């Protein structure tokens, strides 16, 4: 469970900075770590495979949600403020 949360957060962090191609590089260490944990715990080969697939899936889902967060932040930053105090230039009309 801790590995899943950690890889989820790593995926979110990778999405903030890199393109999707970085996932191919991040999957290898994640799989190696998952296999190592499975072997250290004495799991069966089927459970090790399941742990590895879950670890890779958490990394990818974290990346996807990280992209969503990044997109929301970009949309919010590009929006023009609205409301009565958004543009004070109309209050400063020059006298003709």
N, C-alpha and C. Protein backbone atom coordinates (compact mmCIF):
# COMPACT_ATOMS: atom_id res chain seq x y z
N UNK A 1 0.82 -1.19 0.00
CA UNK A 1 0.00 0.00 0.00
C UNK A 1 0.87 1.26 0.00
N UNK A 2 1.91 1.25 0.78
CA UNK A 2 2.81 2.39 0.83
C UNK A 2 3.51 2.60 -0.51
N UNK A 3 3.89 1.48 -1.14
CA UNK A 3 4.52 1.57 -2.46
C UNK A 3 3.56 2.19 -3.47
N UNK A 4 2.31 1.82 -3.42
CA UNK A 4 1.32 2.37 -4.35
C UNK A 4 1.16 3.87 -4.15
N UNK A 5 1.08 4.31 -2.93
CA UNK A 5 0.94 5.75 -2.64
C UNK A 5 2.19 6.50 -3.09
N UNK A 6 3.34 5.94 -2.81
CA UNK A 6 4.60 6.56 -3.20
C UNK A 6 4.69 6.69 -4.72
N UNK A 7 4.37 5.63 -5.44
CA UNK A 7 4.45 5.68 -6.90
C UNK A 7 3.38 6.59 -7.49
N UNK A 8 2.24 6.67 -6.85
CA UNK A 8 1.20 7.60 -7.27
C UNK A 8 1.72 9.03 -7.18
N UNK A 9 2.36 9.38 -6.08
CA UNK A 9 2.91 10.72 -5.91
C UNK A 9 4.09 10.99 -6.84
N UNK A 10 4.90 9.97 -7.09
CA UNK A 10 6.01 10.12 -8.04
C UNK A 10 5.46 10.39 -9.44
N UNK A 11 4.40 9.68 -9.82
CA UNK A 11 3.77 9.92 -11.11
C UNK A 11 3.24 11.33 -11.23
N UNK A 12 2.62 11.83 -10.16
CA UNK A 12 2.11 13.20 -10.17
C UNK A 12 3.25 14.22 -10.30
N UNK A 13 4.35 13.95 -9.62
CA UNK A 13 5.49 14.86 -9.69
C UNK A 13 6.13 14.84 -11.09
N UNK A 14 6.20 13.67 -11.71
CA UNK A 14 6.76 13.58 -13.05
C UNK A 14 5.91 14.32 -14.06
N UNK A 15 4.61 14.32 -13.87
CA UNK A 15 3.71 14.99 -14.81
C UNK A 15 3.88 16.50 -14.77
N UNK A 16 4.32 17.04 -13.65
CA UNK A 16 4.49 18.47 -13.53
C UNK A 16 5.66 18.98 -14.35
N UNK A 17 6.60 18.11 -14.65
CA UNK A 17 7.85 18.55 -15.25
C UNK A 17 8.16 17.96 -16.61
N UNK A 18 7.74 16.70 -16.87
CA UNK A 18 8.20 15.97 -18.03
C UNK A 18 7.05 15.54 -18.93
N UNK A 19 7.41 15.10 -20.14
CA UNK A 19 6.42 14.57 -21.07
C UNK A 19 6.15 13.10 -20.74
N UNK A 20 5.24 12.52 -21.49
CA UNK A 20 4.80 11.15 -21.20
C UNK A 20 5.92 10.13 -21.44
N UNK A 21 6.92 10.49 -22.19
CA UNK A 21 8.01 9.56 -22.47
C UNK A 21 8.82 9.21 -21.21
N UNK A 22 8.75 10.06 -20.21
CA UNK A 22 9.48 9.77 -18.98
C UNK A 22 8.90 8.55 -18.26
N UNK A 23 7.63 8.23 -18.55
CA UNK A 23 7.03 7.04 -17.92
C UNK A 23 7.75 5.76 -18.31
N UNK A 24 8.22 5.70 -19.55
CA UNK A 24 8.95 4.50 -19.97
C UNK A 24 10.24 4.33 -19.17
N UNK A 25 10.83 5.42 -18.77
CA UNK A 25 12.03 5.35 -17.94
C UNK A 25 11.71 5.09 -16.47
N UNK A 26 10.56 5.55 -16.02
CA UNK A 26 10.19 5.39 -14.62
C UNK A 26 9.59 4.02 -14.33
N UNK A 27 9.06 3.36 -15.34
CA UNK A 27 8.44 2.06 -15.13
C UNK A 27 9.47 1.00 -14.75
N UNK A 28 10.65 1.07 -15.32
CA UNK A 28 11.67 0.06 -15.04
C UNK A 28 12.09 0.05 -13.57
N UNK A 29 12.47 1.18 -12.98
CA UNK A 29 12.81 1.13 -11.55
C UNK A 29 11.62 0.77 -10.67
N UNK A 30 10.42 1.20 -11.06
CA UNK A 30 9.24 0.86 -10.27
C UNK A 30 9.00 -0.65 -10.29
N UNK A 31 9.17 -1.26 -11.44
CA UNK A 31 9.00 -2.71 -11.55
C UNK A 31 10.08 -3.45 -10.77
N UNK A 32 11.30 -2.97 -10.84
CA UNK A 32 12.39 -3.62 -10.10
C UNK A 32 12.16 -3.53 -8.60
N UNK A 33 11.71 -2.38 -8.14
CA UNK A 33 11.42 -2.21 -6.71
C UNK A 33 10.28 -3.12 -6.29
N UNK A 34 9.23 -3.20 -7.12
CA UNK A 34 8.08 -4.04 -6.78
C UNK A 34 8.48 -5.51 -6.74
N UNK A 35 9.29 -5.95 -7.68
CA UNK A 35 9.76 -7.34 -7.67
C UNK A 35 10.63 -7.60 -6.46
N UNK A 36 11.50 -6.64 -6.14
CA UNK A 36 12.36 -6.80 -4.96
C UNK A 36 11.57 -6.89 -3.67
N UNK A 37 10.55 -6.08 -3.54
CA UNK A 37 9.70 -6.14 -2.35
C UNK A 37 8.96 -7.47 -2.28
N UNK A 38 8.47 -7.92 -3.44
CA UNK A 38 7.76 -9.20 -3.47
C UNK A 38 8.65 -10.37 -3.10
N UNK A 39 9.88 -10.36 -3.58
CA UNK A 39 10.82 -11.43 -3.24
C UNK A 39 11.20 -11.35 -1.76
N UNK A 40 11.44 -10.14 -1.25
CA UNK A 40 11.81 -9.98 0.15
C UNK A 40 10.70 -10.45 1.09
N UNK A 41 9.45 -10.29 0.67
CA UNK A 41 8.33 -10.72 1.50
C UNK A 41 8.01 -12.20 1.31
N UNK A 42 8.65 -12.84 0.36
CA UNK A 42 8.42 -14.27 0.14
C UNK A 42 7.10 -14.57 -0.57
N UNK A 43 6.66 -13.66 -1.43
CA UNK A 43 5.40 -13.84 -2.14
C UNK A 43 5.56 -14.87 -3.26
N UNK A 44 4.42 -15.37 -3.73
CA UNK A 44 4.42 -16.28 -4.86
C UNK A 44 4.65 -15.48 -6.14
N UNK A 45 5.05 -16.16 -7.22
CA UNK A 45 5.28 -15.43 -8.48
C UNK A 45 4.02 -14.70 -8.98
N UNK A 46 2.87 -15.27 -8.77
CA UNK A 46 1.64 -14.60 -9.18
C UNK A 46 1.40 -13.31 -8.41
N UNK A 47 1.66 -13.34 -7.12
CA UNK A 47 1.49 -12.13 -6.31
C UNK A 47 2.54 -11.07 -6.65
N UNK A 48 3.74 -11.52 -6.99
CA UNK A 48 4.78 -10.58 -7.40
C UNK A 48 4.38 -9.90 -8.70
N UNK A 49 3.82 -10.65 -9.61
CA UNK A 49 3.34 -10.08 -10.88
C UNK A 49 2.22 -9.09 -10.62
N UNK A 50 1.30 -9.45 -9.76
CA UNK A 50 0.20 -8.56 -9.43
C UNK A 50 0.70 -7.28 -8.76
N UNK A 51 1.67 -7.40 -7.89
CA UNK A 51 2.26 -6.24 -7.23
C UNK A 51 2.95 -5.34 -8.24
N UNK A 52 3.64 -5.94 -9.20
CA UNK A 52 4.34 -5.16 -10.22
C UNK A 52 3.36 -4.42 -11.12
N UNK A 53 2.30 -5.11 -11.53
CA UNK A 53 1.29 -4.46 -12.38
C UNK A 53 0.60 -3.33 -11.62
N UNK A 54 0.30 -3.56 -10.37
CA UNK A 54 -0.33 -2.51 -9.57
C UNK A 54 0.60 -1.32 -9.39
N UNK A 55 1.89 -1.57 -9.21
CA UNK A 55 2.84 -0.47 -9.04
C UNK A 55 2.94 0.36 -10.31
N UNK A 56 3.01 -0.30 -11.45
CA UNK A 56 3.09 0.42 -12.72
C UNK A 56 1.79 1.18 -12.98
N UNK A 57 0.67 0.58 -12.65
CA UNK A 57 -0.62 1.26 -12.85
C UNK A 57 -0.73 2.49 -11.96
N UNK A 58 -0.27 2.40 -10.72
CA UNK A 58 -0.31 3.57 -9.82
C UNK A 58 0.58 4.70 -10.35
N UNK A 59 1.71 4.34 -10.91
CA UNK A 59 2.60 5.34 -11.49
C UNK A 59 1.91 6.05 -12.66
N UNK A 60 1.25 5.29 -13.50
CA UNK A 60 0.59 5.87 -14.67
C UNK A 60 -0.65 6.68 -14.28
N UNK A 61 -1.41 6.21 -13.34
CA UNK A 61 -2.59 6.95 -12.89
C UNK A 61 -2.16 8.25 -12.20
N UNK A 62 -1.10 8.18 -11.42
CA UNK A 62 -0.56 9.40 -10.80
C UNK A 62 -0.11 10.40 -11.84
N UNK A 63 0.51 9.91 -12.92
CA UNK A 63 0.94 10.79 -14.00
C UNK A 63 -0.28 11.46 -14.65
N UNK A 64 -1.32 10.68 -14.89
CA UNK A 64 -2.53 11.20 -15.52
C UNK A 64 -3.19 12.26 -14.64
N UNK A 65 -3.31 12.00 -13.36
CA UNK A 65 -3.91 13.00 -12.47
C UNK A 65 -3.01 14.21 -12.29
N UNK A 66 -1.72 14.00 -12.33
CA UNK A 66 -0.78 15.12 -12.27
C UNK A 66 -0.92 16.04 -13.47
N UNK A 67 -1.17 15.45 -14.65
CA UNK A 67 -1.43 16.27 -15.83
C UNK A 67 -2.70 17.08 -15.66
N UNK A 68 -3.71 16.46 -15.05
CA UNK A 68 -4.95 17.17 -14.81
C UNK A 68 -4.77 18.35 -13.87
N UNK A 69 -4.00 18.15 -12.83
CA UNK A 69 -3.72 19.24 -11.89
C UNK A 69 -2.95 20.35 -12.57
N UNK A 70 -1.99 19.98 -13.39
CA UNK A 70 -1.19 20.97 -14.12
C UNK A 70 -2.07 21.75 -15.09
N UNK A 71 -2.98 21.08 -15.77
CA UNK A 71 -3.88 21.74 -16.70
C UNK A 71 -4.83 22.69 -15.97
N UNK A 72 -5.36 22.26 -14.84
CA UNK A 72 -6.23 23.13 -14.06
C UNK A 72 -5.50 24.39 -13.60
N UNK A 73 -4.26 24.22 -13.17
CA UNK A 73 -3.47 25.37 -12.73
C UNK A 73 -3.21 26.32 -13.89
N UNK A 74 -2.93 25.78 -15.07
CA UNK A 74 -2.68 26.63 -16.24
C UNK A 74 -3.95 27.36 -16.66
N UNK A 75 -5.08 26.68 -16.61
CA UNK A 75 -6.35 27.33 -16.95
C UNK A 75 -6.68 28.45 -15.98
N UNK A 76 -6.47 28.19 -14.72
CA UNK A 76 -6.78 29.19 -13.70
C UNK A 76 -5.85 30.40 -13.82
N UNK A 77 -4.59 30.17 -14.18
CA UNK A 77 -3.65 31.28 -14.31
C UNK A 77 -3.94 32.12 -15.55
N UNK A 78 -4.48 31.50 -16.60
CA UNK A 78 -4.71 32.25 -17.83
C UNK A 78 -6.04 32.98 -17.83
N UNK A 79 -6.91 32.67 -16.91
CA UNK A 79 -8.22 33.33 -16.85
C UNK A 79 -8.08 34.78 -16.42
N UNK A 80 -8.86 35.62 -17.05
CA UNK A 80 -8.87 37.02 -16.67
C UNK A 80 -9.75 37.17 -15.43
N UNK A 81 -9.37 37.96 -14.49
CA UNK A 81 -10.22 38.17 -13.32
C UNK A 81 -11.51 38.90 -13.74
N UNK A 82 -12.59 38.53 -13.12
CA UNK A 82 -13.86 39.18 -13.42
C UNK A 82 -14.47 39.70 -12.13
N UNK A 83 -15.38 40.60 -12.28
CA UNK A 83 -16.03 41.18 -11.12
C UNK A 83 -15.91 42.69 -11.14
N UNK A 84 -16.48 43.34 -10.14
CA UNK A 84 -16.49 44.80 -10.15
C UNK A 84 -15.12 45.44 -9.95
N UNK A 85 -14.18 44.73 -9.35
CA UNK A 85 -12.87 45.31 -9.09
C UNK A 85 -11.78 44.70 -9.96
N UNK A 86 -12.16 44.01 -11.03
CA UNK A 86 -11.18 43.32 -11.85
C UNK A 86 -10.35 44.30 -12.68
N UNK A 87 -10.98 45.34 -13.20
CA UNK A 87 -10.27 46.28 -14.05
C UNK A 87 -10.52 47.70 -13.53
N UNK A 88 -9.52 48.28 -12.96
CA UNK A 88 -9.68 49.61 -12.39
C UNK A 88 -9.42 50.70 -13.42
N UNK A 89 -9.05 50.36 -14.65
CA UNK A 89 -8.76 51.38 -15.64
C UNK A 89 -10.02 52.15 -16.06
N UNK A 90 -11.20 51.52 -15.99
CA UNK A 90 -12.43 52.22 -16.37
C UNK A 90 -12.78 53.30 -15.35
N UNK A 91 -12.28 53.20 -14.16
CA UNK A 91 -12.58 54.20 -13.14
C UNK A 91 -11.73 55.45 -13.34
N UNK A 92 -10.67 55.35 -14.11
CA UNK A 92 -9.77 56.46 -14.32
C UNK A 92 -9.96 57.04 -15.72
N UNK A 93 -11.10 57.55 -15.99
CA UNK A 93 -11.36 58.16 -17.29
C UNK A 93 -10.77 59.56 -17.31
N UNK A 94 -10.22 59.88 -18.45
CA UNK A 94 -9.63 61.21 -18.56
C UNK A 94 -10.71 62.22 -18.89
N UNK A 95 -10.56 63.39 -18.41
CA UNK A 95 -11.53 64.46 -18.67
C UNK A 95 -11.23 65.05 -20.04
N UNK A 96 -12.26 65.20 -20.85
CA UNK A 96 -12.07 65.79 -22.19
C UNK A 96 -12.40 67.24 -22.20
